[in-house]
Protein backbone atom coordinates (compact mmCIF):
# COMPACT_ATOMS: atom_id res chain seq x y z
CA MET A 1 50.55 -31.67 -28.20
CA PRO A 2 51.65 -30.45 -25.30
CA ILE A 3 51.67 -26.90 -24.48
CA TYR A 4 55.49 -26.63 -22.93
CA ARG A 5 57.33 -27.07 -26.45
CA ILE A 6 55.62 -23.44 -27.49
CA ALA A 7 59.35 -21.24 -27.01
CA ILE A 8 59.57 -17.14 -26.71
CA GLY A 9 63.37 -17.25 -26.85
CA TYR A 10 65.72 -16.06 -25.04
CA PRO A 11 66.73 -12.41 -24.87
CA GLY A 12 68.89 -10.92 -27.64
CA GLU A 13 68.15 -14.16 -29.58
CA ALA A 14 66.87 -12.31 -32.98
CA GLY A 15 70.26 -10.03 -32.83
CA GLN A 16 72.65 -13.29 -32.92
CA PRO A 17 74.45 -13.98 -36.52
CA ASP A 18 72.95 -17.39 -37.34
CA ALA A 19 69.68 -15.83 -36.98
CA ILE A 20 70.35 -12.40 -38.72
CA ARG A 21 71.50 -15.07 -41.21
CA ALA A 22 68.81 -17.24 -40.92
CA ALA A 23 66.70 -14.04 -41.96
CA PHE A 24 68.74 -12.78 -44.93
CA ALA A 25 68.30 -16.71 -46.20
CA GLU A 26 64.70 -16.11 -45.90
CA PHE A 27 64.81 -12.64 -47.43
CA PHE A 28 66.54 -14.19 -50.52
CA SER A 29 65.02 -17.02 -51.24
CA MET A 30 61.24 -14.92 -50.55
CA LEU A 31 62.01 -12.40 -52.97
CA ILE A 32 63.45 -15.45 -55.94
CA PHE A 33 59.82 -16.96 -55.29
CA VAL A 34 57.91 -13.75 -55.50
CA PHE A 35 60.06 -12.69 -58.74
CA ALA A 36 59.31 -15.87 -60.38
CA GLY A 37 55.79 -16.33 -59.36
CA GLN A 38 54.15 -13.01 -59.45
CA GLY A 39 56.68 -12.00 -62.60
CA SER A 40 54.87 -15.25 -64.74
CA GLY A 41 51.54 -13.53 -64.07
CA MET A 42 52.93 -10.33 -65.65
CA ALA A 43 54.53 -12.36 -68.08
CA TYR A 44 51.01 -13.48 -69.15
CA SER A 45 49.38 -10.73 -68.96
CA LYS A 46 52.10 -8.68 -71.68
CA LEU A 47 51.90 -11.58 -73.79
CA THR A 48 47.82 -11.77 -73.66
CA ASN A 49 47.77 -7.44 -73.96
CA ASN A 50 45.89 -8.26 -70.57
CA GLY A 51 43.45 -10.60 -71.88
CA PRO A 52 41.02 -13.38 -69.74
CA ALA A 53 42.40 -15.52 -67.37
CA THR A 54 42.80 -19.02 -69.27
CA PRO A 55 43.31 -22.60 -68.21
CA ALA A 56 46.57 -22.19 -69.95
CA GLY A 57 47.75 -19.21 -67.67
CA LEU A 58 46.56 -20.89 -64.86
CA ILE A 59 48.78 -23.67 -66.00
CA ALA A 60 51.67 -21.45 -66.02
CA ALA A 61 51.28 -19.91 -62.90
CA SER A 62 50.96 -23.66 -61.43
CA LEU A 63 54.54 -24.06 -63.00
CA SER A 64 56.25 -21.15 -62.14
CA HIS A 65 55.28 -21.06 -58.48
CA ALA A 66 55.83 -24.61 -58.69
CA PHE A 67 60.24 -24.59 -59.86
CA GLY A 68 60.14 -20.79 -58.02
CA LEU A 69 59.67 -22.77 -54.84
CA PHE A 70 61.15 -25.33 -55.09
CA VAL A 71 64.84 -23.54 -56.01
CA ALA A 72 63.62 -21.09 -53.19
CA VAL A 73 63.12 -23.60 -50.43
CA SER A 74 66.77 -25.31 -51.63
CA VAL A 75 68.72 -22.30 -51.46
CA GLY A 76 67.11 -21.56 -47.76
CA ALA A 77 67.04 -25.22 -46.59
CA ASN A 78 70.64 -25.26 -44.97
CA ILE A 79 70.71 -21.88 -43.36
CA SER A 80 67.34 -20.83 -42.32
CA GLY A 81 65.00 -24.58 -43.46
CA GLY A 82 63.89 -23.07 -46.17
CA HIS A 83 60.27 -21.66 -45.03
CA VAL A 84 59.82 -19.27 -47.61
CA ASN A 85 56.58 -18.86 -45.99
CA PRO A 86 54.79 -16.76 -42.79
CA ALA A 87 52.55 -19.43 -42.56
CA VAL A 88 54.94 -22.45 -42.43
CA THR A 89 57.01 -20.55 -40.10
CA PHE A 90 54.11 -20.60 -37.77
CA GLY A 91 53.58 -23.92 -38.26
CA ALA A 92 57.02 -24.45 -37.07
CA PHE A 93 56.38 -22.55 -33.77
CA ILE A 94 53.37 -24.17 -32.74
CA GLY A 95 55.05 -27.57 -33.48
CA GLY A 96 57.86 -25.94 -30.83
CA ASN A 97 61.02 -26.21 -33.69
CA ILE A 98 61.28 -22.04 -33.90
CA THR A 99 60.96 -19.43 -30.82
CA LEU A 100 59.13 -16.66 -31.25
CA LEU A 101 61.45 -14.52 -31.35
CA ARG A 102 62.64 -16.01 -34.39
CA SER A 103 60.26 -16.58 -35.93
CA ILE A 104 59.00 -12.85 -35.89
CA LEU A 105 62.37 -12.17 -37.07
CA TYR A 106 61.75 -14.53 -40.21
CA TRP A 107 57.76 -13.07 -40.50
CA ILE A 108 59.47 -9.70 -41.17
CA ALA A 109 62.13 -11.12 -43.51
CA GLN A 110 59.48 -12.55 -45.29
CA LEU A 111 57.62 -9.65 -45.97
CA LEU A 112 60.82 -7.43 -46.78
CA GLY A 113 61.15 -10.03 -49.42
CA SER A 114 57.54 -10.06 -51.00
CA VAL A 115 57.50 -6.46 -51.43
CA VAL A 116 60.91 -5.40 -53.13
CA ALA A 117 60.34 -8.36 -55.09
CA CYS A 118 57.43 -6.82 -55.91
CA ILE A 119 58.61 -3.31 -56.08
CA LEU A 120 61.97 -4.57 -58.80
CA LEU A 121 59.11 -6.25 -61.06
CA LYS A 122 56.70 -3.14 -61.20
CA SER A 123 60.48 -1.05 -62.23
CA ALA A 124 61.20 -4.08 -64.34
CA THR A 125 58.19 -4.05 -66.52
CA GLY A 126 57.81 -0.44 -67.45
CA GLY A 127 55.05 -0.16 -64.32
CA MET A 128 53.26 -2.79 -65.20
CA GLU A 129 50.33 -3.81 -62.55
CA THR A 130 51.62 -6.33 -59.76
CA SER A 131 48.01 -7.52 -59.06
CA ALA A 132 46.73 -8.00 -55.73
CA PHE A 133 44.83 -11.60 -54.91
CA GLY A 134 41.73 -11.01 -55.41
CA LEU A 135 38.61 -13.65 -54.89
CA SER A 136 36.73 -14.51 -58.22
CA SER A 137 32.98 -13.78 -59.11
CA ASN A 138 30.46 -15.93 -57.05
CA VAL A 139 33.28 -16.83 -54.20
CA SER A 140 32.28 -15.58 -50.98
CA VAL A 141 34.88 -14.90 -48.36
CA TRP A 142 33.96 -17.99 -46.34
CA ASN A 143 35.19 -20.20 -49.89
CA ALA A 144 38.38 -18.42 -49.87
CA LEU A 145 38.91 -19.18 -46.51
CA VAL A 146 38.51 -22.43 -46.79
CA PHE A 147 40.97 -22.75 -49.80
CA GLU A 148 43.38 -21.19 -47.56
CA ILE A 149 42.69 -23.48 -44.77
CA VAL A 150 42.82 -26.84 -46.76
CA MET A 151 45.63 -26.22 -49.05
CA THR A 152 48.08 -24.69 -46.87
CA PHE A 153 46.88 -27.71 -44.07
CA GLY A 154 48.22 -29.76 -46.82
CA LEU A 155 51.97 -27.31 -47.78
CA VAL A 156 52.80 -27.29 -44.00
CA TYR A 157 51.58 -31.40 -43.47
CA THR A 158 54.05 -31.76 -46.49
CA VAL A 159 56.76 -29.45 -44.85
CA TYR A 160 56.18 -32.10 -41.54
CA ALA A 161 56.71 -35.07 -43.59
CA THR A 162 59.75 -34.47 -45.88
CA ALA A 163 61.77 -31.48 -43.67
CA VAL A 164 60.90 -31.53 -40.07
CA ASP A 165 59.77 -35.28 -38.98
CA PRO A 166 63.19 -36.56 -37.58
CA LYS A 167 62.11 -39.93 -39.13
CA LYS A 168 62.35 -39.09 -42.47
CA GLY A 169 66.05 -39.74 -42.75
CA ASN A 170 68.21 -38.40 -45.76
CA ILE A 171 66.15 -37.31 -48.49
CA GLY A 172 67.65 -34.59 -50.17
CA ILE A 173 66.19 -33.39 -52.88
CA ILE A 174 62.74 -34.27 -51.89
CA ALA A 175 61.64 -31.96 -48.98
CA PRO A 176 61.89 -28.89 -51.67
CA LEU A 177 60.24 -31.22 -54.15
CA ALA A 178 57.93 -31.82 -52.86
CA ILE A 179 57.36 -28.72 -51.10
CA GLY A 180 56.78 -26.89 -54.51
CA ILE A 181 54.97 -29.74 -56.32
CA ILE A 182 52.26 -29.21 -53.24
CA VAL A 183 52.02 -25.94 -53.90
CA GLY A 184 51.82 -26.34 -57.61
CA ALA A 185 49.16 -28.59 -57.31
CA ASN A 186 47.16 -26.59 -54.90
CA ILE A 187 47.06 -23.72 -57.37
CA LEU A 188 45.51 -25.90 -60.27
CA VAL A 189 43.14 -26.47 -57.41
CA GLY A 190 42.18 -23.08 -55.98
CA GLY A 191 44.01 -20.38 -58.04
CA ALA A 192 40.63 -19.97 -60.36
CA PHE A 193 38.75 -19.53 -57.08
CA ASP A 194 40.74 -16.57 -54.65
CA GLY A 195 44.60 -17.43 -56.24
CA ALA A 196 45.31 -20.28 -54.18
CA SER A 197 47.79 -17.83 -52.29
CA MET A 198 49.25 -20.42 -49.13
CA ASN A 199 51.35 -17.38 -48.18
CA PRO A 200 50.37 -14.39 -46.46
CA ALA A 201 53.99 -12.74 -47.48
CA VAL A 202 52.92 -14.02 -51.68
CA SER A 203 49.72 -12.08 -50.78
CA PHE A 204 51.57 -8.93 -49.08
CA GLY A 205 53.80 -7.38 -51.29
CA PRO A 206 51.34 -6.84 -54.10
CA ALA A 207 49.15 -5.82 -51.96
CA VAL A 208 51.50 -3.04 -50.59
CA VAL A 209 52.59 -2.44 -54.57
CA SER A 210 49.17 -2.06 -55.53
CA TRP A 211 47.37 -0.68 -52.48
CA THR A 212 44.87 -2.98 -52.80
CA TRP A 213 43.69 -4.68 -49.21
CA THR A 214 40.05 -6.18 -50.13
CA HIS A 215 39.28 -9.40 -48.56
CA HIS A 216 43.50 -9.05 -47.54
CA TRP A 217 42.82 -10.93 -43.75
CA VAL A 218 41.58 -14.03 -45.93
CA TYR A 219 45.21 -14.58 -47.24
CA TRP A 220 46.77 -14.07 -43.40
CA VAL A 221 43.72 -16.38 -41.33
CA GLY A 222 43.11 -19.06 -43.34
CA PRO A 223 46.73 -20.04 -44.48
CA PHE A 224 47.26 -19.79 -40.25
CA ILE A 225 44.86 -21.65 -39.38
CA GLY A 226 45.54 -24.75 -41.73
CA ALA A 227 49.20 -24.53 -40.97
CA ALA A 228 48.12 -24.83 -37.09
CA VAL A 229 46.63 -27.11 -37.87
CA ALA A 230 49.08 -29.45 -39.86
CA ALA A 231 51.71 -29.26 -37.35
CA ILE A 232 49.70 -30.11 -34.41
CA ILE A 233 48.26 -33.63 -36.02
CA TYR A 234 51.27 -34.37 -37.77
CA ASP A 235 53.26 -33.83 -34.86
CA HIS A 236 51.06 -35.42 -32.45
CA ILE A 237 50.56 -38.40 -34.05
CA PHE A 238 53.28 -39.08 -36.00
CA ILE A 239 55.90 -37.23 -33.96
CA GLY A 240 55.44 -37.38 -30.38
CA GLU A 241 57.44 -37.12 -27.17
CA ASP A 242 60.32 -39.42 -28.76
CA GLY A 243 61.07 -37.88 -31.53
CA HIS A 244 61.36 -34.37 -30.09
CA GLU A 245 64.21 -35.55 -27.98
CA SER A 246 66.34 -35.56 -31.00
CA LEU A 247 64.73 -32.80 -32.80
CA SER A 248 65.92 -29.30 -33.77
CA ASP A 249 65.07 -26.40 -35.50
CA PHE A 250 64.60 -26.86 -39.29
């Protein structure tokens, strides 16, 4: 993948009206997604009186995140591209589909959206804990890192195939649906091991509100590596030089 596609952006880009609108779209999409996903886990804890994790709880988490992300991507798609994930934004940047300056604006909005969602949840539930992501017993940081890399690779590969690739045609609702489904499926795989984040912002909000940072770096490094690998592979093999002639920011 030619390095020249990666762009820093022009001075003042982050202050342009369309960039501000896109950042607000990412903020609200992330708030919707985290409120639904994190909130479902808090509801499970309330219903079970803080009982142990069960297969039913894992399935509920998978469905709530899949449905929530489907909606969050859909409502932001026409404004910001519906990234709803700093790793997705990073993958778009690596593929030359978004500038660094706009990426930074997205990252700030995404992180703030997650934090605000967790604050609202803590307030609405009367002070219930917003649990930070963590590793299960007998799961090392390297195990978790592999999980996050592979799961995020699958997510960003899906994003490229259904939302970024200029040859995808008009598939409308398929992109957010596929993105939500792959996240739900990955939670069924990795949820019992490391929580299956695939999204640094999703991990960041609960970590801030609960002030729990143990192994937090895993939930940044893993997704960013997975996103970069997916972007490079899909861009180089399936989009290529010709595809980029008509490719605009998604």
